[in-house]
C-alpha atoms as a PDB file:
ATOM      1  CA  MET A   1      60.162  -2.520 -18.109  1.00  0.00           C
ATOM      2  CA  LYS A   2      60.065  -6.160 -17.086  1.00  0.00           C
ATOM      3  CA  LEU A   3      63.470  -7.890 -17.405  1.00  0.00           C
ATOM      4  CA  SER A   4      62.827 -10.802 -15.044  1.00  0.00           C
ATOM      5  CA  PHE A   5      63.357 -13.256 -17.923  1.00  0.00           C
ATOM      6  CA  THR A   6      67.072 -12.923 -17.127  1.00  0.00           C
ATOM      7  CA  ALA A   7      66.540 -15.242 -14.159  1.00  0.00           C
ATOM      8  CA  ILE A   8      65.338 -18.229 -16.184  1.00  0.00           C
ATOM      9  CA  SER A   9      66.009 -17.899 -19.934  1.00  0.00           C
ATOM     10  CA  PHE A  10      63.810 -20.022 -22.246  1.00  0.00           C
ATOM     11  CA  ALA A  11      63.083 -22.643 -19.549  1.00  0.00           C
ATOM     12  CA  PHE A  12      61.261 -24.947 -21.951  1.00  0.00           C
ATOM     13  CA  ARG A  13      61.280 -27.983 -19.654  1.00  0.00           C
ATOM     14  CA  GLU A  14      59.664 -26.057 -16.797  1.00  0.00           C
ATOM     15  CA  PHE A  15      57.174 -24.443 -19.174  1.00  0.00           C
ATOM     16  CA  GLU A  16      56.112 -27.857 -20.412  1.00  0.00           C
ATOM     17  CA  ILE A  17      55.644 -29.133 -16.851  1.00  0.00           C
ATOM     18  CA  VAL A  18      53.576 -26.161 -15.722  1.00  0.00           C
ATOM     19  CA  ALA A  19      51.464 -26.056 -18.909  1.00  0.00           C
ATOM     20  CA  ARG A  20      50.472 -29.694 -18.417  1.00  0.00           C
ATOM     21  CA  LEU A  21      49.701 -29.167 -14.725  1.00  0.00           C
ATOM     22  CA  ARG A  22      47.702 -26.019 -15.474  1.00  0.00           C
ATOM     23  CA  LEU A  23      45.396 -27.999 -17.738  1.00  0.00           C
ATOM     24  CA  GLU A  24      44.883 -30.575 -15.017  1.00  0.00           C
ATOM     25  CA  GLU A  25      44.428 -28.089 -12.175  1.00  0.00           C
ATOM     26  CA  GLN A  26      42.985 -24.561 -12.444  1.00  0.00           C
ATOM     27  CA  ASP A  27      44.244 -23.503  -8.996  1.00  0.00           C
ATOM     28  CA  TRP A  28      47.763 -22.021  -9.275  1.00  0.00           C
ATOM     29  CA  ASP A  29      48.500 -22.775  -5.604  1.00  0.00           C
ATOM     30  CA  LYS A  30      47.865 -26.453  -6.243  1.00  0.00           C
ATOM     31  CA  VAL A  31      50.004 -26.364  -9.375  1.00  0.00           C
ATOM     32  CA  PHE A  32      52.884 -24.903  -7.359  1.00  0.00           C
ATOM     33  CA  GLU A  33      52.322 -27.396  -4.549  1.00  0.00           C
ATOM     34  CA  GLN A  34      52.712 -30.259  -7.005  1.00  0.00           C
ATOM     35  CA  VAL A  35      55.841 -28.705  -8.550  1.00  0.00           C
ATOM     36  CA  GLU A  36      57.364 -28.277  -5.113  1.00  0.00           C
ATOM     37  CA  THR A  37      56.225 -31.532  -3.500  1.00  0.00           C
ATOM     38  CA  GLU A  38      57.353 -33.690  -6.415  1.00  0.00           C
ATOM     39  CA  ASP A  39      60.482 -31.558  -7.018  1.00  0.00           C
ATOM     40  CA  LEU A  40      59.520 -31.312 -10.687  1.00  0.00           C
ATOM     41  CA  PHE A  41      61.972 -28.492 -11.462  1.00  0.00           C
ATOM     42  CA  GLN A  42      64.811 -30.372  -9.730  1.00  0.00           C
ATOM     43  CA  LEU A  43      66.445 -27.233  -8.356  1.00  0.00           C
ATOM     44  CA  ALA A  44      68.785 -26.830  -5.411  1.00  0.00           C
ATOM     45  CA  SER A  45      66.633 -24.535  -3.277  1.00  0.00           C
ATOM     46  CA  ARG A  46      63.029 -23.682  -2.579  1.00  0.00           C
ATOM     47  CA  ALA A  47      63.744 -20.005  -3.238  1.00  0.00           C
ATOM     48  CA  THR A  48      64.972 -20.811  -6.755  1.00  0.00           C
ATOM     49  CA  THR A  49      61.938 -23.016  -7.380  1.00  0.00           C
ATOM     50  CA  ILE A  50      59.629 -20.199  -6.249  1.00  0.00           C
ATOM     51  CA  ARG A  51      61.397 -17.622  -8.439  1.00  0.00           C
ATOM     52  CA  ARG A  52      61.352 -19.834 -11.530  1.00  0.00           C
ATOM     53  CA  PHE A  53      57.745 -20.889 -10.953  1.00  0.00           C
ATOM     54  CA  ARG A  54      56.684 -17.233 -10.701  1.00  0.00           C
ATOM     55  CA  GLU A  55      58.136 -16.497 -14.134  1.00  0.00           C
ATOM     56  CA  ILE A  56      56.808 -19.674 -15.739  1.00  0.00           C
ATOM     57  CA  ARG A  57      53.375 -19.018 -14.247  1.00  0.00           C
ATOM     58  CA  GLN A  58      53.282 -15.623 -15.961  1.00  0.00           C
ATOM     59  CA  ARG A  59      54.222 -17.197 -19.287  1.00  0.00           C
ATOM     60  CA  VAL A  60      51.758 -20.077 -19.068  1.00  0.00           C
ATOM     61  CA  GLY A  61      49.101 -17.698 -17.721  1.00  0.00           C
ATOM     62  CA  SER A  62      49.477 -15.424 -20.749  1.00  0.00           C
ATOM     63  CA  LEU A  63      48.033 -18.144 -22.992  1.00  0.00           C
ATOM     64  CA  SER A  64      44.453 -19.310 -23.301  1.00  0.00           C
ATOM     65  CA  ILE A  65      43.470 -22.755 -22.074  1.00  0.00           C
ATOM     66  CA  GLU A  66      42.785 -23.708 -25.704  1.00  0.00           C
ATOM     67  CA  THR A  67      46.341 -22.782 -26.686  1.00  0.00           C
ATOM     68  CA  LEU A  68      47.740 -24.755 -23.759  1.00  0.00           C
ATOM     69  CA  GLN A  69      45.731 -27.743 -24.975  1.00  0.00           C
ATOM     70  CA  VAL A  70      47.317 -27.400 -28.423  1.00  0.00           C
ATOM     71  CA  PHE A  71      50.708 -27.144 -26.716  1.00  0.00           C
ATOM     72  CA  VAL A  72      50.428 -30.413 -24.793  1.00  0.00           C
ATOM     73  CA  GLU A  73      49.080 -32.274 -27.823  1.00  0.00           C
ATOM     74  CA  SER A  74      51.755 -31.030 -30.258  1.00  0.00           C
ATOM     75  CA  GLY A  75      55.204 -32.064 -31.380  1.00  0.00           C
ATOM     76  CA  SER A  76      58.386 -30.389 -30.198  1.00  0.00           C
ATOM     77  CA  ASP A  77      58.593 -27.702 -32.928  1.00  0.00           C
ATOM     78  CA  THR A  78      55.072 -26.464 -32.256  1.00  0.00           C
ATOM     79  CA  LYS A  79      55.638 -26.635 -28.509  1.00  0.00           C
ATOM     80  CA  LYS A  80      58.760 -24.511 -28.833  1.00  0.00           C
ATOM     81  CA  ALA A  81      56.887 -21.971 -30.977  1.00  0.00           C
ATOM     82  CA  ILE A  82      54.076 -21.721 -28.436  1.00  0.00           C
ATOM     83  CA  ALA A  83      56.524 -21.362 -25.548  1.00  0.00           C
ATOM     84  CA  PHE A  84      58.193 -18.507 -27.444  1.00  0.00           C
ATOM     85  CA  LEU A  85      54.797 -16.916 -28.092  1.00  0.00           C
ATOM     86  CA  ALA A  86      54.223 -16.954 -24.315  1.00  0.00           C
ATOM     87  CA  ILE A  87      57.617 -15.308 -23.770  1.00  0.00           C
ATOM     88  CA  CYS A  88      56.732 -12.556 -26.247  1.00  0.00           C
ATOM     89  CA  LYS A  89      53.378 -11.984 -24.574  1.00  0.00           C
ATOM     90  CA  THR A  90      54.988 -11.830 -21.127  1.00  0.00           C
ATOM     91  CA  TYR A  91      58.044  -9.707 -21.892  1.00  0.00           C
ATOM     92  CA  PRO A  92      57.471  -6.767 -24.271  1.00  0.00           C
ATOM     93  CA  PHE A  93      61.241  -6.097 -24.194  1.00  0.00           C
ATOM     94  CA  ILE A  94      61.830  -9.365 -26.060  1.00  0.00           C
ATOM     95  CA  PHE A  95      58.869  -9.042 -28.410  1.00  0.00           C
ATOM     96  CA  ASP A  96      59.831  -5.488 -29.354  1.00  0.00           C
ATOM     97  CA  PHE A  97      63.428  -6.572 -29.960  1.00  0.00           C
ATOM     98  CA  VAL A  98      62.219  -9.220 -32.401  1.00  0.00           C
ATOM     99  CA  ARG A  99      59.874  -6.970 -34.324  1.00  0.00           C
ATOM    100  CA  PHE A 100      61.847  -3.729 -34.219  1.00  0.00           C
ATOM    101  CA  VAL A 101      65.387  -5.070 -34.564  1.00  0.00           C
ATOM    102  CA  LEU A 102      65.404  -8.557 -36.095  1.00  0.00           C
ATOM    103  CA  LYS A 103      62.443  -8.031 -38.401  1.00  0.00           C
ATOM    104  CA  GLU A 104      63.715  -4.656 -39.588  1.00  0.00           C
ATOM    105  CA  LYS A 105      67.166  -6.091 -40.308  1.00  0.00           C
ATOM    106  CA  LEU A 106      65.603  -8.837 -42.407  1.00  0.00           C
ATOM    107  CA  LYS A 107      63.697  -6.257 -44.434  1.00  0.00           C
ATOM    108  CA  ILE A 108      67.012  -4.844 -45.631  1.00  0.00           C
ATOM    109  CA  PHE A 109      68.508  -8.336 -46.117  1.00  0.00           C
ATOM    110  CA  ASP A 110      70.886  -7.923 -43.171  1.00  0.00           C
ATOM    111  CA  ARG A 111      70.926 -11.198 -41.245  1.00  0.00           C
ATOM    112  CA  GLN A 112      73.887 -10.437 -38.952  1.00  0.00           C
ATOM    113  CA  LEU A 113      72.993  -9.199 -35.456  1.00  0.00           C
ATOM    114  CA  THR A 114      75.627  -6.928 -33.892  1.00  0.00           C
ATOM    115  CA  ASP A 115      76.431  -5.377 -30.520  1.00  0.00           C
ATOM    116  CA  MET A 116      75.454  -2.029 -32.009  1.00  0.00           C
ATOM    117  CA  ASP A 117      71.955  -3.368 -32.768  1.00  0.00           C
ATOM    118  CA  PHE A 118      71.453  -4.300 -29.130  1.00  0.00           C
ATOM    119  CA  ASN A 119      72.959  -1.059 -27.827  1.00  0.00           C
ATOM    120  CA  THR A 120      70.775   1.057 -30.102  1.00  0.00           C
ATOM    121  CA  TYR A 121      67.691  -0.860 -29.012  1.00  0.00           C
ATOM    122  CA  TRP A 122      68.625  -0.516 -25.341  1.00  0.00           C
ATOM    123  CA  ASN A 123      69.108   3.241 -25.702  1.00  0.00           C
ATOM    124  CA  GLU A 124      65.766   3.619 -27.476  1.00  0.00           C
ATOM    125  CA  LYS A 125      64.045   1.653 -24.721  1.00  0.00           C
ATOM    126  CA  ALA A 126      65.817   3.778 -22.080  1.00  0.00           C
ATOM    127  CA  ASN A 127      64.218   6.861 -23.656  1.00  0.00           C
ATOM    128  CA  GLU A 128      60.802   5.291 -23.049  1.00  0.00           C
ATOM    129  CA  HIS A 129      61.770   3.708 -19.711  1.00  0.00           C
ATOM    130  CA  PRO A 130      64.335   5.921 -17.918  1.00  0.00           C
ATOM    131  CA  GLU A 131      64.722   3.291 -15.190  1.00  0.00           C
ATOM    132  CA  LEU A 132      66.894   1.330 -17.624  1.00  0.00           C
ATOM    133  CA  ASP A 133      69.556   4.030 -17.312  1.00  0.00           C
ATOM    134  CA  ASP A 134      69.736   3.314 -13.584  1.00  0.00           C
ATOM    135  CA  LEU A 135      70.674  -0.334 -14.081  1.00  0.00           C
ATOM    136  CA  GLN A 136      74.238  -1.474 -13.618  1.00  0.00           C
ATOM    137  CA  GLU A 137      76.334  -2.469 -16.618  1.00  0.00           C
ATOM    138  CA  THR A 138      76.341  -6.068 -15.353  1.00  0.00           C
ATOM    139  CA  THR A 139      72.523  -6.122 -15.569  1.00  0.00           C
ATOM    140  CA  ARG A 140      72.639  -4.777 -19.095  1.00  0.00           C
ATOM    141  CA  LYS A 141      75.169  -7.443 -20.110  1.00  0.00           C
ATOM    142  CA  LYS A 142      73.105 -10.177 -18.437  1.00  0.00           C
ATOM    143  CA  THR A 143      69.967  -8.938 -20.219  1.00  0.00           C
ATOM    144  CA  LYS A 144      71.734  -9.105 -23.574  1.00  0.00           C
ATOM    145  CA  GLN A 145      73.209 -12.542 -22.847  1.00  0.00           C
ATOM    146  CA  VAL A 146      69.875 -14.076 -21.831  1.00  0.00           C
ATOM    147  CA  LEU A 147      67.982 -12.353 -24.654  1.00  0.00           C
ATOM    148  CA  LEU A 148      70.369 -13.858 -27.203  1.00  0.00           C
ATOM    149  CA  GLN A 149      70.106 -17.259 -25.537  1.00  0.00           C
ATOM    150  CA  ILE A 150      66.299 -17.142 -25.663  1.00  0.00           C
ATOM    151  CA  LEU A 151      66.333 -16.118 -29.338  1.00  0.00           C
ATOM    152  CA  ALA A 152      68.758 -18.931 -30.170  1.00  0.00           C
ATOM    153  CA  GLU A 153      66.667 -21.508 -28.289  1.00  0.00           C
ATOM    154  CA  ALA A 154      63.556 -20.215 -30.067  1.00  0.00           C
ATOM    155  CA  GLY A 155      65.327 -20.754 -33.393  1.00  0.00           C
ATOM    156  CA  LEU A 156      65.499 -17.074 -34.413  1.00  0.00           C
ATOM    157  CA  LEU A 157      69.283 -16.924 -34.108  1.00  0.00           C
ATOM    158  CA  SER A 158      71.713 -19.560 -35.361  1.00  0.00           C
ATOM    159  CA  ASP A 159      73.482 -19.548 -31.975  1.00  0.00           C
ATOM    160  CA  THR A 160      74.733 -17.118 -29.347  1.00  0.00           C
ATOM    161  CA  THR A 161      78.114 -16.466 -30.960  1.00  0.00           C
ATOM    162  CA  SER A 162      77.687 -15.979 -34.712  1.00  0.00           C
ATOM    163  CA  LEU A 163      74.281 -14.273 -34.199  1.00  0.00           C
ATOM    164  CA  TRP A 164      72.932 -15.086 -37.644  1.00  0.00           C
ATOM    165  CA  ILE A 165      69.196 -14.300 -37.844  1.00  0.00           C
ATOM    166  CA  THR A 166      67.217 -17.376 -38.913  1.00  0.00           C
ATOM    167  CA  PRO A 167      63.537 -16.697 -39.651  1.00  0.00           C
ATOM    168  CA  TYR A 168      61.167 -19.303 -38.309  1.00  0.00           C
ATOM    169  CA  ILE A 169      58.314 -20.357 -40.553  1.00  0.00           C
ATOM    170  CA  PRO A 170      55.410 -21.387 -38.329  1.00  0.00           C
ATOM    171  CA  ILE A 171      53.403 -24.424 -39.241  1.00  0.00           C
ATOM    172  CA  PRO A 172      49.663 -23.957 -39.826  1.00  0.00           C
ATOM    173  CA  GLY A 173      48.788 -25.126 -36.310  1.00  0.00           C
ATOM    174  CA  VAL A 174      50.766 -22.225 -34.847  1.00  0.00           C
ATOM    175  CA  LEU A 175      49.351 -19.707 -37.316  1.00  0.00           C
ATOM    176  CA  ALA A 176      45.830 -20.619 -36.188  1.00  0.00           C
ATOM    177  CA  LEU A 177      46.676 -19.631 -32.613  1.00  0.00           C
ATOM    178  CA  PHE A 178      46.874 -15.950 -33.488  1.00  0.00           C
ATOM    179  CA  GLU A 179      43.084 -15.798 -33.665  1.00  0.00           C
ATOM    180  CA  ARG A 180      43.081 -16.267 -29.877  1.00  0.00           C
ATOM    181  CA  GLU A 181      46.431 -14.905 -28.800  1.00  0.00           C
ATOM    182  CA  GLY A 182      46.648 -11.711 -30.853  1.00  0.00           C
ATOM    183  CA  SER A 183      47.533 -11.129 -34.483  1.00  0.00           C
ATOM    184  CA  GLN A 184      50.363  -8.732 -33.562  1.00  0.00           C
ATOM    185  CA  PHE A 185      52.353 -11.714 -32.271  1.00  0.00           C
ATOM    186  CA  ARG A 186      52.793 -12.989 -35.820  1.00  0.00           C
ATOM    187  CA  ASP A 187      55.777 -10.628 -35.862  1.00  0.00           C
ATOM    188  CA  ALA A 188      57.519 -12.867 -33.340  1.00  0.00           C
ATOM    189  CA  TYR A 189      58.280 -15.412 -36.042  1.00  0.00           C
ATOM    190  CA  LEU A 190      59.923 -13.201 -38.697  1.00  0.00           C
ATOM    191  CA  SER A 191      58.407 -15.235 -41.506  1.00  0.00           C
ATOM    192  CA  ALA A 192      57.477 -13.548 -44.752  1.00  0.00           C
ATOM    193  CA  THR A 193      54.126 -15.338 -44.526  1.00  0.00           C
ATOM    194  CA  CYS A 194      53.487 -13.680 -41.173  1.00  0.00           C
ATOM    195  CA  CYS A 195      54.713 -10.138 -41.821  1.00  0.00           C
END
């Protein structure tokens, strides 16, 4: 189970940089060279830049070139939706949380996310992926913290404290992307028009 999203959260600014560079240059080594040479991430160390680039590369790489083109040509709401789509495609842990926890809660008109919801989800995932049981409690807490932060930045939670579920209604330009990116990812947006 991939939990490496805990190292970078939503990272929208970096995603935007790498998406634009990826359209200009098909060679990932050259994309990284430009990020590093021009210090585009503005991070303190090369190791941190490498780690963040690795995660962003996976996210950007999960999308088709056509979707990346839509991303760079769109306004901020559409860009944020596409960046979240890439997160869902890259990290099944997050996508499954959205469709099996948030979406199910909305079906019963329960918009309040609780600690119990996360704990139940974690335990269910641990049944499928026993390696989760081997993780330290600090890793579990960090995973929850970053997951909630990502969902709040994506607009699916009101914030990271009140944890009120706020369905996102994608605009038509985003809905059209599912033809290329996979219809199952409609669930990432919790909208009645997508479910």
